[in-house]
Amino acid sequence: MINNAEFAEILEFLEKNIAQIDIVPADDLMHSLWQKRLAKGEPALTEHEFPVKAAVFLVIEVISSREKIILSSIQAEQLVRGYLAQQSIHADWQQIGIVPENGDIYVHLSCRMALEKMAKLVTSVANLASWDKNECPVCGDSPGFACLEQEVGRRLLVCGACLTQWRYKRIGCAFCKEENPEKLKIVTAEEFPGWLATVCLTCNGYLKTADLRTLSSIPNWYKAVMETLPLDYALTLHKKST
């Protein structure tokens, strides 16, 4: 199983490789289409615009580097599309000769980084200022984290898929939109200074939040998933006790 140090090495490798490739060419017609969708209250991207080729490239490169196995573009695309369709691809990894848990991390991070780069292109040309929904304005996914801005503490949601950030109301569940203060709890843990979580008693959802007024820097959201796992366990226990 991949440990935290290896996870960091994979991230660094993928970051270097994604920087070398173009997602899509600059296209005024596409940029206009993204703007029109946002103006209608729709996410800028559709599922058909996911950068599959970029994700395939990353999967091939990371597996070649770490596993010394050369995948064909057809094999890699099957893995990427299976992952995106939320299908189990464990049998595929076993047939290739890769530990399934490790293979899932390779394809997960490859898809995330490809989509993140696509999202950065979208946000470089599209205005998100008027977006007030609890779903990502770029890809439509749910928030994976939140953060409180350094200056005035306004809340930003961080997409769980493409890491796009957008402003959202400070009070209220980011999943079911519950606003009753009695249904919303704030949980903190001494071992995670600068982090808090809003727990919703209506939908049982919770959102880990980085308080940038306290933290010395913006978290690496990829690493934060692993680094804050103990906080997830604490939140699960908290919900069971309420």
Protein backbone atom coordinates (compact mmCIF):
# COMPACT_ATOMS: atom_id res chain seq x y z
CA MET A 1 0.00 0.00 0.00
CA ILE A 2 1.23 3.49 -0.84
CA ASN A 3 2.39 5.44 2.22
CA ASN A 4 2.32 9.21 2.71
CA ALA A 5 5.88 9.73 1.45
CA GLU A 6 5.16 7.75 -1.71
CA PHE A 7 1.90 9.64 -2.15
CA ALA A 8 3.84 12.92 -2.07
CA GLU A 9 6.29 11.56 -4.66
CA ILE A 10 3.43 10.59 -6.98
CA LEU A 11 1.92 14.06 -6.64
CA GLU A 12 5.23 15.72 -7.49
CA PHE A 13 5.73 13.45 -10.51
CA LEU A 14 2.23 14.10 -11.85
CA GLU A 15 2.51 17.85 -11.28
CA LYS A 16 5.68 17.96 -13.39
CA ASN A 17 4.08 15.94 -16.17
CA ILE A 18 0.76 17.79 -16.32
CA ALA A 19 2.69 21.05 -16.65
CA GLN A 20 4.14 19.78 -19.93
CA ILE A 21 0.90 19.22 -21.81
CA ASP A 22 -1.90 21.37 -23.16
CA ILE A 23 -5.45 20.44 -22.20
CA VAL A 24 -7.33 22.15 -25.01
CA PRO A 25 -6.37 24.95 -27.40
CA ALA A 26 -7.53 28.47 -26.64
CA ASP A 27 -10.84 28.77 -28.45
CA ASP A 28 -13.04 31.85 -28.25
CA LEU A 29 -16.14 29.85 -29.19
CA MET A 30 -15.57 27.38 -26.34
CA HIS A 31 -14.85 30.21 -23.91
CA SER A 32 -18.12 31.87 -24.91
CA LEU A 33 -19.99 28.60 -24.41
CA TRP A 34 -18.60 28.26 -20.87
CA GLN A 35 -19.72 31.80 -20.07
CA LYS A 36 -23.23 31.15 -21.43
CA ARG A 37 -23.65 28.02 -19.33
CA LEU A 38 -22.56 29.87 -16.20
CA ALA A 39 -24.97 32.72 -16.99
CA LYS A 40 -27.80 30.16 -17.12
CA GLY A 41 -26.77 28.73 -13.74
CA GLU A 42 -25.14 25.63 -15.25
CA PRO A 43 -21.58 24.39 -14.65
CA ALA A 44 -19.20 25.54 -17.36
CA LEU A 45 -18.13 22.03 -18.36
CA THR A 46 -20.17 19.03 -19.42
CA GLU A 47 -19.02 15.48 -18.76
CA HIS A 48 -18.13 15.13 -22.44
CA GLU A 49 -15.49 17.84 -22.05
CA PHE A 50 -13.48 15.97 -19.42
CA PRO A 51 -9.80 15.97 -20.53
CA VAL A 52 -9.56 12.21 -21.04
CA LYS A 53 -6.43 12.40 -23.22
CA ALA A 54 -4.55 14.30 -20.54
CA ALA A 55 -5.58 11.81 -17.86
CA VAL A 56 -4.56 8.91 -20.12
CA PHE A 57 -1.15 10.49 -20.65
CA LEU A 58 -0.63 10.85 -16.89
CA VAL A 59 -1.72 7.27 -16.16
CA ILE A 60 0.72 5.90 -18.74
CA GLU A 61 3.58 8.04 -17.41
CA VAL A 62 3.08 7.35 -13.71
CA ILE A 63 2.68 3.60 -14.18
CA SER A 64 5.75 3.48 -16.42
CA SER A 65 7.75 5.38 -13.79
CA ARG A 66 6.59 3.56 -10.67
CA GLU A 67 5.63 0.08 -11.86
CA LYS A 68 7.94 -0.24 -14.90
CA ILE A 69 4.94 -1.37 -16.94
CA ILE A 70 4.16 0.17 -20.31
CA LEU A 71 0.43 0.57 -20.92
CA SER A 72 -1.01 1.17 -24.36
CA SER A 73 -3.16 4.25 -24.81
CA ILE A 74 -6.16 1.92 -25.27
CA GLN A 75 -5.51 0.18 -21.93
CA ALA A 76 -5.04 3.48 -20.14
CA GLU A 77 -8.18 4.98 -21.65
CA GLN A 78 -10.23 1.95 -20.57
CA LEU A 79 -8.98 2.44 -17.02
CA VAL A 80 -9.74 6.17 -17.05
CA ARG A 81 -13.22 5.73 -18.51
CA GLY A 82 -13.98 2.91 -16.10
CA TYR A 83 -12.92 5.10 -13.18
CA LEU A 84 -14.99 8.05 -14.45
CA ALA A 85 -18.02 5.77 -14.81
CA GLN A 86 -17.47 4.71 -11.16
CA GLN A 87 -16.92 1.11 -12.20
CA SER A 88 -14.66 -1.29 -10.33
CA ILE A 89 -11.40 -1.69 -12.22
CA HIS A 90 -9.71 -3.99 -9.70
CA ALA A 91 -9.78 -6.92 -12.14
CA ASP A 92 -8.05 -4.76 -14.75
CA TRP A 93 -5.26 -3.87 -12.33
CA GLN A 94 -4.80 -7.52 -11.36
CA GLN A 95 -4.57 -8.54 -14.99
CA ILE A 96 -1.96 -5.84 -15.62
CA GLY A 97 0.00 -6.91 -12.53
CA ILE A 98 -0.53 -3.88 -10.30
CA VAL A 99 -1.88 -3.87 -6.75
CA PRO A 100 -5.48 -2.59 -7.25
CA GLU A 101 -5.32 -0.13 -4.34
CA ASN A 102 -2.17 1.42 -5.82
CA GLY A 103 -3.62 1.47 -9.32
CA ASP A 104 -6.72 3.25 -8.09
CA ILE A 105 -4.54 5.99 -6.59
CA TYR A 106 -2.66 6.39 -9.88
CA VAL A 107 -5.80 6.82 -11.94
CA HIS A 108 -7.59 8.91 -9.31
CA LEU A 109 -4.79 11.45 -9.06
CA SER A 110 -4.24 11.47 -12.83
CA CYS A 111 -7.91 12.26 -13.48
CA ARG A 112 -7.99 14.87 -10.72
CA MET A 113 -4.92 16.69 -12.00
CA ALA A 114 -6.10 16.64 -15.60
CA LEU A 115 -9.45 18.09 -14.55
CA GLU A 116 -7.78 20.65 -12.29
CA LYS A 117 -5.73 21.96 -15.21
CA MET A 118 -8.88 22.13 -17.35
CA ALA A 119 -10.63 24.00 -14.54
CA LYS A 120 -7.82 26.55 -14.34
CA LEU A 121 -8.32 27.25 -18.03
CA VAL A 122 -12.04 27.76 -17.45
CA THR A 123 -11.55 30.09 -14.49
CA SER A 124 -8.97 32.11 -16.39
CA VAL A 125 -11.62 33.18 -18.91
CA ALA A 126 -14.93 32.77 -17.06
CA ASN A 127 -16.33 35.02 -14.32
CA LEU A 128 -17.47 33.09 -11.24
CA ALA A 129 -18.37 36.15 -9.14
CA SER A 130 -22.14 35.67 -9.42
CA TRP A 131 -22.12 31.92 -8.76
CA ASP A 132 -23.92 31.22 -5.48
CA LYS A 133 -24.71 27.50 -5.68
CA ASN A 134 -23.33 24.71 -3.54
CA GLU A 135 -22.06 22.80 -6.57
CA CYS A 136 -18.87 23.56 -8.45
CA PRO A 137 -19.32 26.24 -11.15
CA VAL A 138 -16.79 24.48 -13.37
CA CYS A 139 -17.58 20.76 -13.21
CA GLY A 140 -20.74 20.56 -11.07
CA ASP A 141 -19.21 18.35 -8.37
CA SER A 142 -19.77 18.76 -4.62
CA PRO A 143 -17.33 20.59 -2.33
CA GLY A 144 -14.56 18.49 -0.85
CA PHE A 145 -13.22 21.17 1.49
CA ALA A 146 -13.85 24.77 2.45
CA CYS A 147 -11.57 27.55 3.58
CA LEU A 148 -12.01 30.86 5.36
CA GLU A 149 -10.25 33.74 3.62
CA GLN A 150 -7.28 35.29 5.38
CA GLU A 151 -8.51 38.89 5.49
CA VAL A 152 -12.19 38.85 6.44
CA GLY A 153 -12.95 35.16 6.89
CA ARG A 154 -15.37 34.78 3.97
CA ARG A 155 -16.03 31.15 3.14
CA LEU A 156 -14.81 29.58 -0.06
CA LEU A 157 -15.86 26.11 -1.13
CA VAL A 158 -13.24 23.90 -2.74
CA CYS A 159 -14.47 21.45 -5.38
CA GLY A 160 -13.86 17.82 -4.50
CA ALA A 161 -13.03 17.00 -8.13
CA CYS A 162 -11.29 19.92 -9.85
CA LEU A 163 -10.28 22.05 -6.79
CA THR A 164 -11.99 25.16 -8.13
CA GLN A 165 -12.76 27.65 -5.34
CA TRP A 166 -15.83 29.85 -5.19
CA ARG A 167 -17.49 32.05 -2.60
CA TYR A 168 -20.41 30.68 -0.66
CA LYS A 169 -22.49 31.96 2.23
CA ARG A 170 -20.73 31.62 5.58
CA ILE A 171 -23.67 30.10 7.49
CA GLY A 172 -25.38 26.98 6.21
CA CYS A 173 -24.71 23.39 5.22
CA ALA A 174 -22.85 23.22 1.92
CA PHE A 175 -24.70 20.02 1.04
CA CYS A 176 -28.38 20.25 2.04
CA LYS A 177 -28.38 24.05 2.62
CA GLU A 178 -29.70 23.75 6.20
CA GLU A 179 -29.41 27.15 7.94
CA ASN A 180 -30.94 26.46 11.36
CA PRO A 181 -28.08 27.13 13.85
CA GLU A 182 -29.39 24.36 16.11
CA LYS A 183 -28.80 21.88 13.27
CA LEU A 184 -25.24 23.03 12.57
CA LYS A 185 -22.30 22.23 14.81
CA ILE A 186 -18.67 23.36 14.66
CA VAL A 187 -16.11 20.73 15.60
CA THR A 188 -12.42 21.38 16.22
CA ALA A 189 -9.53 19.19 17.34
CA GLU A 190 -6.39 20.25 19.21
CA GLU A 191 -4.18 18.12 16.96
CA PHE A 192 -5.44 20.02 13.90
CA PRO A 193 -4.90 23.72 14.68
CA GLY A 194 -6.33 25.93 11.98
CA TRP A 195 -8.87 23.32 10.92
CA LEU A 196 -12.54 23.07 11.82
CA ALA A 197 -15.52 21.20 10.48
CA THR A 198 -19.15 22.12 10.10
CA VAL A 199 -21.38 19.17 10.90
CA CYS A 200 -24.98 19.16 9.70
CA LEU A 201 -27.44 17.24 11.87
CA THR A 202 -30.04 17.33 9.11
CA CYS A 203 -28.17 15.49 6.36
CA ASN A 204 -25.29 14.10 8.48
CA GLY A 205 -22.82 15.73 6.14
CA TYR A 206 -19.68 17.50 7.27
CA LEU A 207 -17.16 19.76 5.59
CA LYS A 208 -13.58 20.15 6.73
CA THR A 209 -12.55 23.78 6.63
CA ALA A 210 -9.09 25.36 6.61
CA ASP A 211 -9.02 28.66 8.49
CA LEU A 212 -6.50 30.73 6.53
CA ARG A 213 -6.56 33.36 9.27
CA THR A 214 -4.71 30.82 11.43
CA LEU A 215 -2.83 28.54 9.03
CA SER A 216 0.51 29.76 7.71
CA SER A 217 -0.30 28.79 4.11
CA ILE A 218 -3.04 27.44 1.87
CA PRO A 219 -3.14 23.64 2.19
CA ASN A 220 -2.20 21.34 -0.63
CA TRP A 221 -5.69 19.93 -1.07
CA TYR A 222 -4.43 16.61 -2.44
CA LYS A 223 -2.28 16.03 0.62
CA ALA A 224 -4.95 17.40 2.93
CA VAL A 225 -7.18 14.42 2.11
CA MET A 226 -4.57 12.10 3.63
CA GLU A 227 -3.28 14.40 6.34
CA THR A 228 -6.73 15.10 7.83
CA LEU A 229 -7.99 11.50 7.83
CA PRO A 230 -7.83 11.37 11.66
CA LEU A 231 -10.19 14.33 11.68
CA ASP A 232 -12.63 12.31 9.56
CA TYR A 233 -12.51 9.53 12.14
CA ALA A 234 -13.13 12.03 14.96
CA LEU A 235 -16.08 13.51 13.08
CA THR A 236 -17.55 10.07 12.48
CA LEU A 237 -17.35 9.33 16.22
CA HIS A 238 -18.84 12.75 16.99
CA LYS A 239 -21.84 12.08 14.77
CA LYS A 240 -22.42 8.69 16.39
CA SER A 241 -22.42 10.27 19.84
CA THR A 242 -25.03 12.95 18.97
